[in-house]
C-alpha cells in the first residue's frame, strides 16, 4: 500500500533552529540550500519537499 504525499510529509521529523526572528526570514534560503520546495508554512513550522 502506498502512502499519500501528505502522509509521507507529515511523518518526517526534522528540527532546524532558525533564531529569534523566526522562520519567515530563512525559509527560502533553507529551501535553496537543501534543494527542496516549500510546500507550506504555518506558525513556527515549514514543510519542504525534495
PDB file of N, CA and C in Angstrom:
ATOM      1  N   UNK A   1       0.841  -1.186   0.000  1.00  0.00           N
ATOM      2  CA  UNK A   1       0.000   0.000   0.000  1.00  0.00           C
ATOM      3  C   UNK A   1       0.879   1.240   0.000  1.00  0.00           C
ATOM      4  N   UNK A   2       0.601   2.168  -0.893  1.00  0.00           N
ATOM      5  CA  UNK A   2       1.390   3.384  -0.964  1.00  0.00           C
ATOM      6  C   UNK A   2       0.839   4.463  -0.045  1.00  0.00           C
ATOM      7  N   UNK A   3       1.736   5.205   0.530  1.00  0.00           N
ATOM      8  CA  UNK A   3       1.332   6.331   1.369  1.00  0.00           C
ATOM      9  C   UNK A   3       1.072   7.543   0.508  1.00  0.00           C
ATOM     10  N   UNK A   4       0.138   8.342   0.906  1.00  0.00           N
ATOM     11  CA  UNK A   4      -0.131   9.579   0.183  1.00  0.00           C
ATOM     12  C   UNK A   4       1.003  10.560   0.441  1.00  0.00           C
ATOM     13  N   UNK A   5       1.164  11.517  -0.464  1.00  0.00           N
ATOM     14  CA  UNK A   5       2.202  12.542  -0.320  1.00  0.00           C
ATOM     15  C   UNK A   5       2.050  13.266   1.003  1.00  0.00           C
ATOM     16  N   UNK A   6       0.846  13.656   1.345  1.00  0.00           N
ATOM     17  CA  UNK A   6       0.589  14.388   2.588  1.00  0.00           C
ATOM     18  C   UNK A   6       1.001  13.552   3.799  1.00  0.00           C
ATOM     19  N   UNK A   7       0.690  12.280   3.789  1.00  0.00           N
ATOM     20  CA  UNK A   7       1.035  11.417   4.910  1.00  0.00           C
ATOM     21  C   UNK A   7       2.547  11.238   5.028  1.00  0.00           C
ATOM     22  N   UNK A   8       3.239  11.048   3.887  1.00  0.00           N
ATOM     23  CA  UNK A   8       4.692  10.884   3.913  1.00  0.00           C
ATOM     24  C   UNK A   8       5.361  12.132   4.471  1.00  0.00           C
ATOM     25  N   UNK A   9       4.914  13.322   4.046  1.00  0.00           N
ATOM     26  CA  UNK A   9       5.487  14.568   4.539  1.00  0.00           C
ATOM     27  C   UNK A   9       5.231  14.707   6.036  1.00  0.00           C
ATOM     28  N   UNK A  10       4.024  14.388   6.468  1.00  0.00           N
ATOM     29  CA  UNK A  10       3.654  14.520   7.878  1.00  0.00           C
ATOM     30  C   UNK A  10       4.509  13.632   8.778  1.00  0.00           C
ATOM     31  N   UNK A  11       4.917  12.479   8.274  1.00  0.00           N
ATOM     32  CA  UNK A  11       5.650  11.519   9.089  1.00  0.00           C
ATOM     33  C   UNK A  11       7.141  11.822   9.206  1.00  0.00           C
ATOM     34  N   UNK A  12       7.657  12.772   8.439  1.00  0.00           N
ATOM     35  CA  UNK A  12       9.072  13.131   8.538  1.00  0.00           C
ATOM     36  C   UNK A  12       9.321  13.937   9.797  1.00  0.00           C
ATOM     37  N   UNK A  13      10.520  13.816  10.330  1.00  0.00           N
ATOM     38  CA  UNK A  13      10.864  14.517  11.554  1.00  0.00           C
ATOM     39  C   UNK A  13      12.228  15.169  11.409  1.00  0.00           C
ATOM     40  N   UNK A  14      12.238  16.473  11.261  1.00  0.00           N
ATOM     41  CA  UNK A  14      13.488  17.229  11.172  1.00  0.00           C
ATOM     42  C   UNK A  14      13.303  18.517  11.962  1.00  0.00           C
ATOM     43  N   UNK A  15      14.299  18.875  12.747  1.00  0.00           N
ATOM     44  CA  UNK A  15      14.238  20.114  13.512  1.00  0.00           C
ATOM     45  C   UNK A  15      15.379  21.022  13.084  1.00  0.00           C
ATOM     46  N   UNK A  16      15.047  22.269  12.782  1.00  0.00           N
ATOM     47  CA  UNK A  16      16.038  23.266  12.403  1.00  0.00           C
ATOM     48  C   UNK A  16      15.807  24.496  13.265  1.00  0.00           C
ATOM     49  N   UNK A  17      16.832  24.911  13.984  1.00  0.00           N
ATOM     50  CA  UNK A  17      16.733  26.120  14.804  1.00  0.00           C
ATOM     51  C   UNK A  17      17.080  27.304  13.924  1.00  0.00           C
ATOM     52  N   UNK A  18      16.189  28.322  13.886  1.00  0.00           N
ATOM     53  CA  UNK A  18      16.391  29.439  12.964  1.00  0.00           C
ATOM     54  C   UNK A  18      16.607  30.775  13.647  1.00  0.00           C
ATOM     55  N   UNK A  19      16.541  30.855  14.937  1.00  0.00           N
ATOM     56  CA  UNK A  19      16.813  32.104  15.643  1.00  0.00           C
ATOM     57  C   UNK A  19      15.567  32.865  16.042  1.00  0.00           C
ATOM     58  N   UNK A  20      15.787  33.980  16.704  1.00  0.00           N
ATOM     59  CA  UNK A  20      14.680  34.721  17.309  1.00  0.00           C
ATOM     60  C   UNK A  20      13.782  35.427  16.300  1.00  0.00           C
ATOM     61  N   UNK A  21      14.234  35.611  15.060  1.00  0.00           N
ATOM     62  CA  UNK A  21      13.395  36.265  14.047  1.00  0.00           C
ATOM     63  C   UNK A  21      12.410  35.303  13.390  1.00  0.00           C
ATOM     64  N   UNK A  22      12.482  34.050  13.769  1.00  0.00           N
ATOM     65  CA  UNK A  22      11.515  33.084  13.280  1.00  0.00           C
ATOM     66  C   UNK A  22      11.868  32.490  11.924  1.00  0.00           C
ATOM     67  N   UNK A  23      10.926  31.818  11.364  1.00  0.00           N
ATOM     68  CA  UNK A  23      11.098  31.020  10.169  1.00  0.00           C
ATOM     69  C   UNK A  23      11.068  31.832   8.882  1.00  0.00           C
ATOM     70  N   UNK A  24      10.188  32.808   8.794  1.00  0.00           N
ATOM     71  CA  UNK A  24       9.982  33.544   7.541  1.00  0.00           C
ATOM     72  C   UNK A  24      11.251  34.108   6.910  1.00  0.00           C
ATOM     73  N   UNK A  25      12.167  34.709   7.669  1.00  0.00           N
ATOM     74  CA  UNK A  25      13.356  35.276   7.039  1.00  0.00           C
ATOM     75  C   UNK A  25      14.298  34.242   6.400  1.00  0.00           C
ATOM     76  N   UNK A  26      14.213  32.977   6.785  1.00  0.00           N
ATOM     77  CA  UNK A  26      15.178  31.980   6.299  1.00  0.00           C
ATOM     78  C   UNK A  26      14.568  30.872   5.451  1.00  0.00           C
ATOM     79  N   UNK A  27      13.261  30.821   5.317  1.00  0.00           N
ATOM     80  CA  UNK A  27      12.619  29.679   4.676  1.00  0.00           C
ATOM     81  C   UNK A  27      13.058  29.502   3.221  1.00  0.00           C
ATOM     82  N   UNK A  28      13.140  30.569   2.450  1.00  0.00           N
ATOM     83  CA  UNK A  28      13.539  30.448   1.048  1.00  0.00           C
ATOM     84  C   UNK A  28      15.001  30.036   0.904  1.00  0.00           C
ATOM     85  N   UNK A  29      15.861  30.619   1.749  1.00  0.00           N
ATOM     86  CA  UNK A  29      17.280  30.256   1.707  1.00  0.00           C
ATOM     87  C   UNK A  29      17.472  28.793   2.093  1.00  0.00           C
ATOM     88  N   UNK A  30      16.758  28.347   3.095  1.00  0.00           N
ATOM     89  CA  UNK A  30      16.866  26.961   3.518  1.00  0.00           C
ATOM     90  C   UNK A  30      16.413  26.016   2.410  1.00  0.00           C
ATOM     91  N   UNK A  31      15.320  26.344   1.754  1.00  0.00           N
ATOM     92  CA  UNK A  31      14.828  25.514   0.653  1.00  0.00           C
ATOM     93  C   UNK A  31      15.869  25.414  -0.456  1.00  0.00           C
ATOM     94  N   UNK A  32      16.497  26.533  -0.772  1.00  0.00           N
ATOM     95  CA  UNK A  32      17.520  26.543  -1.816  1.00  0.00           C
ATOM     96  C   UNK A  32      18.723  25.695  -1.413  1.00  0.00           C
ATOM     97  N   UNK A  33      19.138  25.806  -0.171  1.00  0.00           N
ATOM     98  CA  UNK A  33      20.316  25.062   0.298  1.00  0.00           C
ATOM     99  C   UNK A  33      20.110  23.552   0.267  1.00  0.00           C
ATOM    100  N   UNK A  34      18.909  23.106   0.566  1.00  0.00           N
ATOM    101  CA  UNK A  34      18.668  21.663   0.607  1.00  0.00           C
ATOM    102  C   UNK A  34      18.044  21.141  -0.675  1.00  0.00           C
ATOM    103  N   UNK A  35      17.861  22.020  -1.647  1.00  0.00           N
ATOM    104  CA  UNK A  35      17.303  21.603  -2.933  1.00  0.00           C
ATOM    105  C   UNK A  35      15.866  21.151  -2.813  1.00  0.00           C
ATOM    106  N   UNK A  36      15.071  21.891  -2.059  1.00  0.00           N
ATOM    107  CA  UNK A  36      13.690  21.497  -1.809  1.00  0.00           C
ATOM    108  C   UNK A  36      12.736  22.631  -2.169  1.00  0.00           C
ATOM    109  N   UNK A  37      11.475  22.289  -2.205  1.00  0.00           N
ATOM    110  CA  UNK A  37      10.410  23.253  -2.459  1.00  0.00           C
ATOM    111  C   UNK A  37       9.620  23.446  -1.169  1.00  0.00           C
ATOM    112  N   UNK A  38       9.275  24.692  -0.867  1.00  0.00           N
ATOM    113  CA  UNK A  38       8.452  24.961   0.305  1.00  0.00           C
ATOM    114  C   UNK A  38       7.022  24.560  -0.036  1.00  0.00           C
ATOM    115  N   UNK A  39       6.476  23.633   0.715  1.00  0.00           N
ATOM    116  CA  UNK A  39       5.109  23.174   0.491  1.00  0.00           C
ATOM    117  C   UNK A  39       4.125  24.027   1.268  1.00  0.00           C
ATOM    118  N   UNK A  40       4.508  24.353   2.517  1.00  0.00           N
ATOM    119  CA  UNK A  40       3.600  25.117   3.371  1.00  0.00           C
ATOM    120  C   UNK A  40       4.360  25.660   4.572  1.00  0.00           C
ATOM    121  N   UNK A  41       3.962  26.821   5.045  1.00  0.00           N
ATOM    122  CA  UNK A  41       4.457  27.323   6.324  1.00  0.00           C
ATOM    123  C   UNK A  41       3.256  27.654   7.191  1.00  0.00           C
ATOM    124  N   UNK A  42       3.417  27.415   8.492  1.00  0.00           N
ATOM    125  CA  UNK A  42       2.360  27.721   9.438  1.00  0.00           C
ATOM    126  C   UNK A  42       2.993  27.910  10.804  1.00  0.00           C
ATOM    127  N   UNK A  43       2.822  29.075  11.353  1.00  0.00           N
ATOM    128  CA  UNK A  43       3.401  29.341  12.662  1.00  0.00           C
ATOM    129  C   UNK A  43       4.905  29.192  12.643  1.00  0.00           C
ATOM    130  N   UNK A  44       5.418  28.284  13.435  1.00  0.00           N
ATOM    131  CA  UNK A  44       6.855  28.040  13.515  1.00  0.00           C
ATOM    132  C   UNK A  44       7.247  26.770  12.749  1.00  0.00           C
ATOM    133  N   UNK A  45       6.417  26.362  11.807  1.00  0.00           N
ATOM    134  CA  UNK A  45       6.639  25.128  11.077  1.00  0.00           C
ATOM    135  C   UNK A  45       6.682  25.378   9.574  1.00  0.00           C
ATOM    136  N   UNK A  46       7.639  24.772   8.909  1.00  0.00           N
ATOM    137  CA  UNK A  46       7.697  24.821   7.454  1.00  0.00           C
ATOM    138  C   UNK A  46       7.766  23.388   6.937  1.00  0.00           C
ATOM    139  N   UNK A  47       7.107  23.141   5.842  1.00  0.00           N
ATOM    140  CA  UNK A  47       7.126  21.819   5.227  1.00  0.00           C
ATOM    141  C   UNK A  47       7.820  21.957   3.879  1.00  0.00           C
ATOM    142  N   UNK A  48       8.880  21.168   3.680  1.00  0.00           N
ATOM    143  CA  UNK A  48       9.629  21.165   2.448  1.00  0.00           C
ATOM    144  C   UNK A  48       9.499  19.799   1.794  1.00  0.00           C
ATOM    145  N   UNK A  49       9.614  19.785   0.466  1.00  0.00           N
ATOM    146  CA  UNK A  49       9.607  18.506  -0.246  1.00  0.00           C
ATOM    147  C   UNK A  49      10.725  18.530  -1.265  1.00  0.00           C
ATOM    148  N   UNK A  50      11.479  17.419  -1.311  1.00  0.00           N
ATOM    149  CA  UNK A  50      12.548  17.279  -2.306  1.00  0.00           C
ATOM    150  C   UNK A  50      12.175  16.232  -3.299  1.00  0.00           C
TER     151      UNK A  50
END
